[in-house]
Amino acid sequence: MDKEKIGNFIKELRLEKKMSQNDLADSLNVSRQAISQWERGINTPDLEMLQDLSTLFNLSINELLIGKKLPKTKVSSEVEKVTYEILLQNERKSKKIKNLKILLLVFFVLIFLFLLNYFFTFYNSVNIDLLLAIGKNFDLNGILVTSRETVYLDFNDITLRDGTPVDKIELYYLDDNKKRVIYTSNNNDGGIISDTYKYEEYFDFNNMNDIKNNLYIKVFYNNKSEDVKIKLVKGYSNKSFFIRKDNHDDTFLEFPKKHDINNVIE
């Protein structure tokens, strides 16, 4: 099908009827730009428009598709019907294929958006860190589990190396140099702290990275006190898309050995 030839033929027919592009557009209820694109061979009329053009110019659809007038015969009338049916079937198939392509495109876009949302929501959303602190008179170890919805912190009882009784313990973090105490004990008892995004009783969930970098333990004894910054050692985070047994490390939550602790803290 020669689009340029069809376009030139439509232009000739329009000029024969002394119609402007606007006149023809009004007759067919289309835009003038559509008529211009037909006549320049950019697009061709669809089946409905071919039928309307055929009626308007008193020509067969075959003549419009061939791009010239043909002798009128009885046979041509039958051929016209067959041609129309073929074009109608092709157009229906074309619309079905086009709609299927649109549905597939929408489906893949939705899948992509779902995976993108899943990635940003859950990737690296669970972290397990080991808590380590080495003071002059005491050590601390513990575990911190964080997710988007919960925080769980657990640390050991504090015992001074020289056996001096502990009067008080404070676990806190600095927020713009302001002290935020999250746990106190009037003896050497360690603690378990849990918090949720709903309540944020102890932690600001939107500021967890800064909190992790500014955690401290303060121990009171014999009218003295010692503040030690708590270091976090990465234990686990859910950054793997696929879980494989051969990649699993059974020792990922082991605390460093005594001779390795100083290197970790430094």
C-alpha atoms as a PDB file:
ATOM      1  CA  MET A   1       0.000   0.000   0.000  1.00  0.00           C
ATOM      2  CA  ASP A   2       1.573   3.251  -1.246  1.00  0.00           C
ATOM      3  CA  LYS A   3       0.783   5.939   1.356  1.00  0.00           C
ATOM      4  CA  GLU A   4       2.083   8.754  -0.831  1.00  0.00           C
ATOM      5  CA  LYS A   5       0.002   7.668  -3.816  1.00  0.00           C
ATOM      6  CA  ILE A   6      -3.128   7.366  -1.639  1.00  0.00           C
ATOM      7  CA  GLY A   7      -2.442  10.815  -0.187  1.00  0.00           C
ATOM      8  CA  ASN A   8      -2.043  12.428  -3.615  1.00  0.00           C
ATOM      9  CA  PHE A   9      -5.266  10.761  -4.798  1.00  0.00           C
ATOM     10  CA  ILE A  10      -7.208  12.089  -1.781  1.00  0.00           C
ATOM     11  CA  LYS A  11      -5.821  15.551  -2.511  1.00  0.00           C
ATOM     12  CA  GLU A  12      -6.901  15.318  -6.188  1.00  0.00           C
ATOM     13  CA  LEU A  13     -10.407  14.223  -5.160  1.00  0.00           C
ATOM     14  CA  ARG A  14     -10.641  17.061  -2.652  1.00  0.00           C
ATOM     15  CA  LEU A  15      -9.548  19.642  -5.208  1.00  0.00           C
ATOM     16  CA  GLU A  16     -11.995  18.231  -7.784  1.00  0.00           C
ATOM     17  CA  LYS A  17     -14.783  18.982  -5.322  1.00  0.00           C
ATOM     18  CA  LYS A  18     -13.214  22.407  -4.689  1.00  0.00           C
ATOM     19  CA  MET A  19     -12.886  21.655  -0.998  1.00  0.00           C
ATOM     20  CA  SER A  20     -10.220  22.999   1.332  1.00  0.00           C
ATOM     21  CA  GLN A  21      -8.533  20.786   3.900  1.00  0.00           C
ATOM     22  CA  ASN A  22     -10.746  22.390   6.526  1.00  0.00           C
ATOM     23  CA  ASP A  23     -13.869  21.625   4.476  1.00  0.00           C
ATOM     24  CA  LEU A  24     -12.906  17.963   4.133  1.00  0.00           C
ATOM     25  CA  ALA A  25     -11.989  17.769   7.803  1.00  0.00           C
ATOM     26  CA  ASP A  26     -15.394  19.155   8.798  1.00  0.00           C
ATOM     27  CA  SER A  27     -17.153  16.660   6.508  1.00  0.00           C
ATOM     28  CA  LEU A  28     -15.360  13.730   8.138  1.00  0.00           C
ATOM     29  CA  ASN A  29     -15.290  15.107  11.707  1.00  0.00           C
ATOM     30  CA  VAL A  30     -11.506  14.964  11.891  1.00  0.00           C
ATOM     31  CA  SER A  31      -8.830  17.611  12.327  1.00  0.00           C
ATOM     32  CA  ARG A  32      -7.250  19.510   9.445  1.00  0.00           C
ATOM     33  CA  GLN A  33      -3.887  18.091  10.600  1.00  0.00           C
ATOM     34  CA  ALA A  34      -5.220  14.566   9.967  1.00  0.00           C
ATOM     35  CA  ILE A  35      -6.149  15.527   6.353  1.00  0.00           C
ATOM     36  CA  SER A  36      -2.706  17.090   5.889  1.00  0.00           C
ATOM     37  CA  GLN A  37      -0.962  13.926   7.121  1.00  0.00           C
ATOM     38  CA  TRP A  38      -3.013  11.752   4.739  1.00  0.00           C
ATOM     39  CA  GLU A  39      -2.215  13.939   1.751  1.00  0.00           C
ATOM     40  CA  ARG A  40       1.508  14.030   2.604  1.00  0.00           C
ATOM     41  CA  GLY A  41       1.640  10.250   2.947  1.00  0.00           C
ATOM     42  CA  ILE A  42       2.518  10.320   6.641  1.00  0.00           C
ATOM     43  CA  ASN A  43      -0.577   8.395   7.698  1.00  0.00           C
ATOM     44  CA  THR A  44      -3.420   6.626   5.932  1.00  0.00           C
ATOM     45  CA  PRO A  45      -7.116   6.769   6.862  1.00  0.00           C
ATOM     46  CA  ASP A  46      -8.417   3.912   8.991  1.00  0.00           C
ATOM     47  CA  LEU A  47     -11.199   1.645   7.769  1.00  0.00           C
ATOM     48  CA  GLU A  48     -13.974   3.895   9.068  1.00  0.00           C
ATOM     49  CA  MET A  49     -12.455   6.922   7.334  1.00  0.00           C
ATOM     50  CA  LEU A  50     -11.961   4.948   4.104  1.00  0.00           C
ATOM     51  CA  GLN A  51     -15.656   4.084   4.186  1.00  0.00           C
ATOM     52  CA  ASP A  52     -16.588   7.760   4.707  1.00  0.00           C
ATOM     53  CA  LEU A  53     -14.204   8.911   1.950  1.00  0.00           C
ATOM     54  CA  SER A  54     -15.646   6.270  -0.367  1.00  0.00           C
ATOM     55  CA  THR A  55     -19.162   7.601   0.244  1.00  0.00           C
ATOM     56  CA  LEU A  56     -18.119  11.262  -0.033  1.00  0.00           C
ATOM     57  CA  PHE A  57     -16.218  10.891  -3.326  1.00  0.00           C
ATOM     58  CA  ASN A  58     -18.492   8.131  -4.714  1.00  0.00           C
ATOM     59  CA  LEU A  59     -15.569   5.759  -5.109  1.00  0.00           C
ATOM     60  CA  SER A  60     -14.781   2.244  -3.955  1.00  0.00           C
ATOM     61  CA  ILE A  61     -12.398   1.519  -1.118  1.00  0.00           C
ATOM     62  CA  ASN A  62     -10.290  -0.387  -3.670  1.00  0.00           C
ATOM     63  CA  GLU A  63      -9.881   2.774  -5.743  1.00  0.00           C
ATOM     64  CA  LEU A  64      -8.832   4.745  -2.674  1.00  0.00           C
ATOM     65  CA  LEU A  65      -6.275   2.081  -1.725  1.00  0.00           C
ATOM     66  CA  ILE A  66      -4.957   1.785  -5.297  1.00  0.00           C
ATOM     67  CA  GLY A  67      -4.834   5.546  -5.707  1.00  0.00           C
ATOM     68  CA  LYS A  68      -6.783   5.848  -8.972  1.00  0.00           C
ATOM     69  CA  LYS A  69     -10.258   5.467 -10.431  1.00  0.00           C
ATOM     70  CA  LEU A  70     -11.298   2.100 -11.866  1.00  0.00           C
ATOM     71  CA  PRO A  71     -14.031   1.113 -14.391  1.00  0.00           C
ATOM     72  CA  LYS A  72     -17.331   0.268 -12.706  1.00  0.00           C
ATOM     73  CA  THR A  73     -18.268  -3.411 -13.037  1.00  0.00           C
ATOM     74  CA  LYS A  74     -20.472  -5.863 -11.189  1.00  0.00           C
ATOM     75  CA  VAL A  75     -17.405  -7.813 -10.220  1.00  0.00           C
ATOM     76  CA  SER A  76     -15.798  -4.739  -8.665  1.00  0.00           C
ATOM     77  CA  SER A  77     -18.811  -4.423  -6.364  1.00  0.00           C
ATOM     78  CA  GLU A  78     -18.289  -7.964  -5.077  1.00  0.00           C
ATOM     79  CA  VAL A  79     -14.563  -7.388  -4.749  1.00  0.00           C
ATOM     80  CA  GLU A  80     -15.337  -4.238  -2.796  1.00  0.00           C
ATOM     81  CA  LYS A  81     -17.317  -6.249  -0.231  1.00  0.00           C
ATOM     82  CA  VAL A  82     -14.562  -8.828   0.111  1.00  0.00           C
ATOM     83  CA  THR A  83     -11.941  -6.095   0.459  1.00  0.00           C
ATOM     84  CA  TYR A  84     -13.982  -4.378   3.133  1.00  0.00           C
ATOM     85  CA  GLU A  85     -14.343  -7.610   5.107  1.00  0.00           C
ATOM     86  CA  ILE A  86     -10.616  -8.321   4.843  1.00  0.00           C
ATOM     87  CA  LEU A  87      -9.738  -4.800   5.959  1.00  0.00           C
ATOM     88  CA  LEU A  88     -12.235  -5.025   8.790  1.00  0.00           C
ATOM     89  CA  GLN A  89     -10.741  -8.306  10.019  1.00  0.00           C
ATOM     90  CA  ASN A  90      -7.204  -6.942   9.760  1.00  0.00           C
ATOM     91  CA  GLU A  91      -8.141  -3.824  11.659  1.00  0.00           C
ATOM     92  CA  ARG A  92      -9.741  -5.866  14.421  1.00  0.00           C
ATOM     93  CA  LYS A  93      -6.648  -8.052  14.657  1.00  0.00           C
ATOM     94  CA  SER A  94      -4.457  -4.973  14.700  1.00  0.00           C
ATOM     95  CA  LYS A  95      -6.495  -3.448  17.527  1.00  0.00           C
ATOM     96  CA  LYS A  96      -6.323  -6.699  19.508  1.00  0.00           C
ATOM     97  CA  ILE A  97      -2.544  -6.841  19.086  1.00  0.00           C
ATOM     98  CA  LYS A  98      -2.237  -3.190  20.040  1.00  0.00           C
ATOM     99  CA  ASN A  99      -4.397  -3.679  23.147  1.00  0.00           C
ATOM    100  CA  LEU A 100      -2.382  -6.777  24.085  1.00  0.00           C
ATOM    101  CA  LYS A 101       0.851  -4.814  23.769  1.00  0.00           C
ATOM    102  CA  ILE A 102      -0.583  -2.077  25.980  1.00  0.00           C
ATOM    103  CA  LEU A 103      -1.689  -4.632  28.589  1.00  0.00           C
ATOM    104  CA  LEU A 104       1.728  -6.281  28.566  1.00  0.00           C
ATOM    105  CA  LEU A 105       3.429  -2.912  28.887  1.00  0.00           C
ATOM    106  CA  VAL A 106       1.195  -1.961  31.827  1.00  0.00           C
ATOM    107  CA  PHE A 107       1.836  -5.364  33.427  1.00  0.00           C
ATOM    108  CA  PHE A 108       5.619  -5.038  33.169  1.00  0.00           C
ATOM    109  CA  VAL A 109       5.519  -1.440  34.403  1.00  0.00           C
ATOM    110  CA  LEU A 110       3.503  -2.557  37.458  1.00  0.00           C
ATOM    111  CA  ILE A 111       5.939  -5.417  38.090  1.00  0.00           C
ATOM    112  CA  PHE A 112       8.853  -3.000  37.806  1.00  0.00           C
ATOM    113  CA  LEU A 113       7.226  -0.512  40.196  1.00  0.00           C
ATOM    114  CA  PHE A 114       6.461  -3.331  42.656  1.00  0.00           C
ATOM    115  CA  LEU A 115      10.073  -4.548  42.594  1.00  0.00           C
ATOM    116  CA  LEU A 116      11.343  -0.991  42.896  1.00  0.00           C
ATOM    117  CA  ASN A 117       9.109  -0.371  45.912  1.00  0.00           C
ATOM    118  CA  TYR A 118      10.133  -3.716  47.428  1.00  0.00           C
ATOM    119  CA  PHE A 119      13.807  -2.846  46.931  1.00  0.00           C
ATOM    120  CA  PHE A 120      13.580   0.556  48.600  1.00  0.00           C
ATOM    121  CA  THR A 121      11.323  -0.769  51.383  1.00  0.00           C
ATOM    122  CA  PHE A 122      13.092  -3.981  52.375  1.00  0.00           C
ATOM    123  CA  TYR A 123      16.641  -3.935  50.989  1.00  0.00           C
ATOM    124  CA  ASN A 124      19.093  -3.463  53.856  1.00  0.00           C
ATOM    125  CA  SER A 125      16.134  -2.932  56.193  1.00  0.00           C
ATOM    126  CA  VAL A 126      17.297  -5.408  58.858  1.00  0.00           C
ATOM    127  CA  ASN A 127      20.681  -4.920  60.499  1.00  0.00           C
ATOM    128  CA  ILE A 128      22.379  -6.776  63.332  1.00  0.00           C
ATOM    129  CA  ASP A 129      25.359  -5.025  64.950  1.00  0.00           C
ATOM    130  CA  LEU A 130      27.656  -6.124  67.746  1.00  0.00           C
ATOM    131  CA  LEU A 131      28.204  -3.575  70.540  1.00  0.00           C
ATOM    132  CA  LEU A 132      31.760  -3.246  71.870  1.00  0.00           C
ATOM    133  CA  ALA A 133      33.254  -0.843  74.395  1.00  0.00           C
ATOM    134  CA  ILE A 134      36.635  -1.042  76.145  1.00  0.00           C
ATOM    135  CA  GLY A 135      37.025   1.297  79.114  1.00  0.00           C
ATOM    136  CA  LYS A 136      39.850   1.705  81.599  1.00  0.00           C
ATOM    137  CA  ASN A 137      38.005  -0.314  84.224  1.00  0.00           C
ATOM    138  CA  PHE A 138      35.319  -2.270  82.348  1.00  0.00           C
ATOM    139  CA  ASP A 139      34.273  -3.881  79.071  1.00  0.00           C
ATOM    140  CA  LEU A 140      30.885  -3.961  77.400  1.00  0.00           C
ATOM    141  CA  ASN A 141      29.498  -6.211  74.721  1.00  0.00           C
ATOM    142  CA  GLY A 142      26.008  -6.558  73.388  1.00  0.00           C
ATOM    143  CA  ILE A 143      23.860  -6.699  70.306  1.00  0.00           C
ATOM    144  CA  LEU A 144      21.717  -4.187  68.447  1.00  0.00           C
ATOM    145  CA  VAL A 145      19.026  -5.304  65.992  1.00  0.00           C
ATOM    146  CA  THR A 146      17.347  -2.645  63.874  1.00  0.00           C
ATOM    147  CA  SER A 147      14.636  -2.766  61.249  1.00  0.00           C
ATOM    148  CA  ARG A 148      12.278  -0.189  59.807  1.00  0.00           C
ATOM    149  CA  GLU A 149       9.705  -1.020  62.501  1.00  0.00           C
ATOM    150  CA  THR A 150      11.600  -2.175  65.590  1.00  0.00           C
ATOM    151  CA  VAL A 151      14.815  -1.729  67.555  1.00  0.00           C
ATOM    152  CA  TYR A 152      16.138  -4.310  69.985  1.00  0.00           C
ATOM    153  CA  LEU A 153      19.232  -3.656  72.134  1.00  0.00           C
ATOM    154  CA  ASP A 154      20.763  -6.054  74.658  1.00  0.00           C
ATOM    155  CA  PHE A 155      24.035  -5.676  76.598  1.00  0.00           C
ATOM    156  CA  ASN A 156      25.824  -7.549  79.350  1.00  0.00           C
ATOM    157  CA  ASP A 157      26.155  -6.826  83.079  1.00  0.00           C
ATOM    158  CA  ILE A 158      28.980  -4.401  83.834  1.00  0.00           C
ATOM    159  CA  THR A 159      31.707  -5.640  86.163  1.00  0.00           C
ATOM    160  CA  LEU A 160      34.728  -3.527  87.061  1.00  0.00           C
ATOM    161  CA  ARG A 161      38.074  -5.259  86.597  1.00  0.00           C
ATOM    162  CA  ASP A 162      39.227  -4.536  90.166  1.00  0.00           C
ATOM    163  CA  GLY A 163      35.974  -5.816  91.660  1.00  0.00           C
ATOM    164  CA  THR A 164      34.755  -2.390  92.807  1.00  0.00           C
ATOM    165  CA  PRO A 165      30.925  -2.324  93.064  1.00  0.00           C
ATOM    166  CA  VAL A 166      29.101  -0.426  90.350  1.00  0.00           C
ATOM    167  CA  ASP A 167      26.762   2.283  91.658  1.00  0.00           C
ATOM    168  CA  LYS A 168      24.951   3.190  88.462  1.00  0.00           C
ATOM    169  CA  ILE A 169      24.896   2.613  84.718  1.00  0.00           C
ATOM    170  CA  GLU A 170      23.664   4.972  81.997  1.00  0.00           C
ATOM    171  CA  LEU A 171      23.293   4.117  78.331  1.00  0.00           C
ATOM    172  CA  TYR A 172      22.829   7.230  76.186  1.00  0.00           C
ATOM    173  CA  TYR A 173      23.451   8.842  72.833  1.00  0.00           C
ATOM    174  CA  LEU A 174      24.296  12.377  71.778  1.00  0.00           C
ATOM    175  CA  ASP A 175      21.813  14.255  69.643  1.00  0.00           C
ATOM    176  CA  ASP A 176      23.319  17.588  68.529  1.00  0.00           C
ATOM    177  CA  ASN A 177      25.519  17.381  71.619  1.00  0.00           C
ATOM    178  CA  LYS A 178      22.454  16.858  73.815  1.00  0.00           C
ATOM    179  CA  LYS A 179      22.495  13.804  76.028  1.00  0.00           C
ATOM    180  CA  ARG A 180      19.554  11.421  75.483  1.00  0.00           C
ATOM    181  CA  VAL A 181      19.486   8.712  78.159  1.00  0.00           C
ATOM    182  CA  ILE A 182      17.820   5.498  77.029  1.00  0.00           C
ATOM    183  CA  TYR A 183      18.652   3.196  79.956  1.00  0.00           C
ATOM    184  CA  THR A 184      19.673   3.550  83.624  1.00  0.00           C
ATOM    185  CA  SER A 185      20.358   1.012  86.355  1.00  0.00           C
ATOM    186  CA  ASN A 186      21.314   1.578  89.988  1.00  0.00           C
ATOM    187  CA  ASN A 187      23.583  -1.451  89.973  1.00  0.00           C
ATOM    188  CA  ASN A 188      25.672  -3.316  87.407  1.00  0.00           C
ATOM    189  CA  ASP A 189      22.756  -4.937  85.603  1.00  0.00           C
ATOM    190  CA  GLY A 190      22.863  -4.915  81.845  1.00  0.00           C
ATOM    191  CA  GLY A 191      19.683  -4.222  79.997  1.00  0.00           C
ATOM    192  CA  ILE A 192      17.275  -5.134  77.260  1.00  0.00           C
ATOM    193  CA  ILE A 193      15.669  -2.254  75.396  1.00  0.00           C
ATOM    194  CA  SER A 194      13.040  -2.563  72.706  1.00  0.00           C
ATOM    195  CA  ASP A 195      11.267   0.168  70.776  1.00  0.00           C
ATOM    196  CA  THR A 196       8.896   0.426  67.832  1.00  0.00           C
ATOM    197  CA  TYR A 197       8.394   2.918  65.054  1.00  0.00           C
ATOM    198  CA  LYS A 198       4.848   3.504  66.328  1.00  0.00           C
ATOM    199  CA  TYR A 199       5.955   4.788  69.738  1.00  0.00           C
ATOM    200  CA  GLU A 200       9.633   5.843  69.367  1.00  0.00           C
ATOM    201  CA  GLU A 201       9.983   5.828  73.143  1.00  0.00           C
ATOM    202  CA  TYR A 202      13.781   5.614  73.111  1.00  0.00           C
ATOM    203  CA  PHE A 203      14.946   6.092  69.535  1.00  0.00           C
ATOM    204  CA  ASP A 204      14.249   8.446  66.667  1.00  0.00           C
ATOM    205  CA  PHE A 205      13.881   5.921  63.828  1.00  0.00           C
ATOM    206  CA  ASN A 206      14.617   8.549  61.203  1.00  0.00           C
ATOM    207  CA  ASN A 207      17.950   9.249  62.864  1.00  0.00           C
ATOM    208  CA  MET A 208      19.184   5.727  63.634  1.00  0.00           C
ATOM    209  CA  ASN A 209      22.484   6.024  61.772  1.00  0.00           C
ATOM    210  CA  ASP A 210      23.487   9.079  63.798  1.00  0.00           C
ATOM    211  CA  ILE A 211      22.363   7.354  67.002  1.00  0.00           C
ATOM    212  CA  LYS A 212      24.478   4.308  66.188  1.00  0.00           C
ATOM    213  CA  ASN A 213      27.526   6.528  65.712  1.00  0.00           C
ATOM    214  CA  ASN A 214      26.983   8.346  69.006  1.00  0.00           C
ATOM    215  CA  LEU A 215      26.193   5.619  71.547  1.00  0.00           C
ATOM    216  CA  TYR A 216      27.876   5.806  74.984  1.00  0.00           C
ATOM    217  CA  ILE A 217      27.959   3.854  78.225  1.00  0.00           C
ATOM    218  CA  LYS A 218      28.588   5.676  81.515  1.00  0.00           C
ATOM    219  CA  VAL A 219      29.507   3.769  84.675  1.00  0.00           C
ATOM    220  CA  PHE A 220      29.423   5.326  88.164  1.00  0.00           C
ATOM    221  CA  TYR A 221      31.546   3.903  91.007  1.00  0.00           C
ATOM    222  CA  ASN A 222      33.252   5.268  94.177  1.00  0.00           C
ATOM    223  CA  ASN A 223      32.037   8.821  93.458  1.00  0.00           C
ATOM    224  CA  LYS A 224      33.679   8.592  90.058  1.00  0.00           C
ATOM    225  CA  SER A 225      32.388   7.903  86.573  1.00  0.00           C
ATOM    226  CA  GLU A 226      33.729   6.773  83.232  1.00  0.00           C
ATOM    227  CA  ASP A 227      32.187   7.451  79.800  1.00  0.00           C
ATOM    228  CA  VAL A 228      33.095   5.148  76.934  1.00  0.00           C
ATOM    229  CA  LYS A 229      31.908   5.382  73.354  1.00  0.00           C
ATOM    230  CA  ILE A 230      30.322   2.194  72.051  1.00  0.00           C
ATOM    231  CA  LYS A 231      31.598   0.910  68.742  1.00  0.00           C
ATOM    232  CA  LEU A 232      29.356  -1.071  66.412  1.00  0.00           C
ATOM    233  CA  VAL A 233      30.681  -4.004  64.423  1.00  0.00           C
ATOM    234  CA  LYS A 234      28.557  -4.977  61.438  1.00  0.00           C
ATOM    235  CA  GLY A 235      27.172  -8.458  61.938  1.00  0.00           C
ATOM    236  CA  TYR A 236      24.447  -8.866  59.338  1.00  0.00           C
ATOM    237  CA  SER A 237      22.253  -6.934  56.921  1.00  0.00           C
ATOM    238  CA  ASN A 238      19.734  -8.274  54.405  1.00  0.00           C
ATOM    239  CA  LYS A 239      21.496  -7.137  51.241  1.00  0.00           C
ATOM    240  CA  SER A 240      21.293 -10.456  49.428  1.00  0.00           C
ATOM    241  CA  PHE A 241      18.526 -10.974  46.888  1.00  0.00           C
ATOM    242  CA  PHE A 242      18.990 -14.723  46.993  1.00  0.00           C
ATOM    243  CA  ILE A 243      19.851 -16.869  50.003  1.00  0.00           C
ATOM    244  CA  ARG A 244      22.443 -19.518  49.306  1.00  0.00           C
ATOM    245  CA  LYS A 245      23.694 -22.059  51.815  1.00  0.00           C
ATOM    246  CA  ASP A 246      27.232 -21.908  50.504  1.00  0.00           C
ATOM    247  CA  ASN A 247      27.352 -18.153  51.251  1.00  0.00           C
ATOM    248  CA  HIS A 248      26.099 -18.520  54.831  1.00  0.00           C
ATOM    249  CA  ASP A 249      28.641 -17.727  57.534  1.00  0.00           C
ATOM    250  CA  ASP A 250      27.898 -19.505  60.809  1.00  0.00           C
ATOM    251  CA  THR A 251      30.355 -17.255  62.694  1.00  0.00           C
ATOM    252  CA  PHE A 252      29.037 -13.874  61.607  1.00  0.00           C
ATOM    253  CA  LEU A 253      27.772 -13.053  65.114  1.00  0.00           C
ATOM    254  CA  GLU A 254      30.852 -14.202  67.049  1.00  0.00           C
ATOM    255  CA  PHE A 255      32.401 -11.505  69.187  1.00  0.00           C
ATOM    256  CA  PRO A 256      36.032 -10.682  68.381  1.00  0.00           C
ATOM    257  CA  LYS A 257      38.593 -12.493  70.486  1.00  0.00           C
ATOM    258  CA  LYS A 258      40.302 -10.541  73.256  1.00  0.00           C
ATOM    259  CA  HIS A 259      43.462  -9.900  71.221  1.00  0.00           C
ATOM    260  CA  ASP A 260      41.337  -8.540  68.344  1.00  0.00           C
ATOM    261  CA  ILE A 261      39.126  -6.192  70.413  1.00  0.00           C
ATOM    262  CA  ASN A 262      41.550  -3.278  70.524  1.00  0.00           C
ATOM    263  CA  ASN A 263      41.888  -3.372  66.722  1.00  0.00           C
ATOM    264  CA  VAL A 264      38.074  -3.306  66.394  1.00  0.00           C
ATOM    265  CA  ILE A 265      37.734  -0.383  68.788  1.00  0.00           C
ATOM    266  CA  GLU A 266      40.489   1.586  67.099  1.00  0.00           C
END
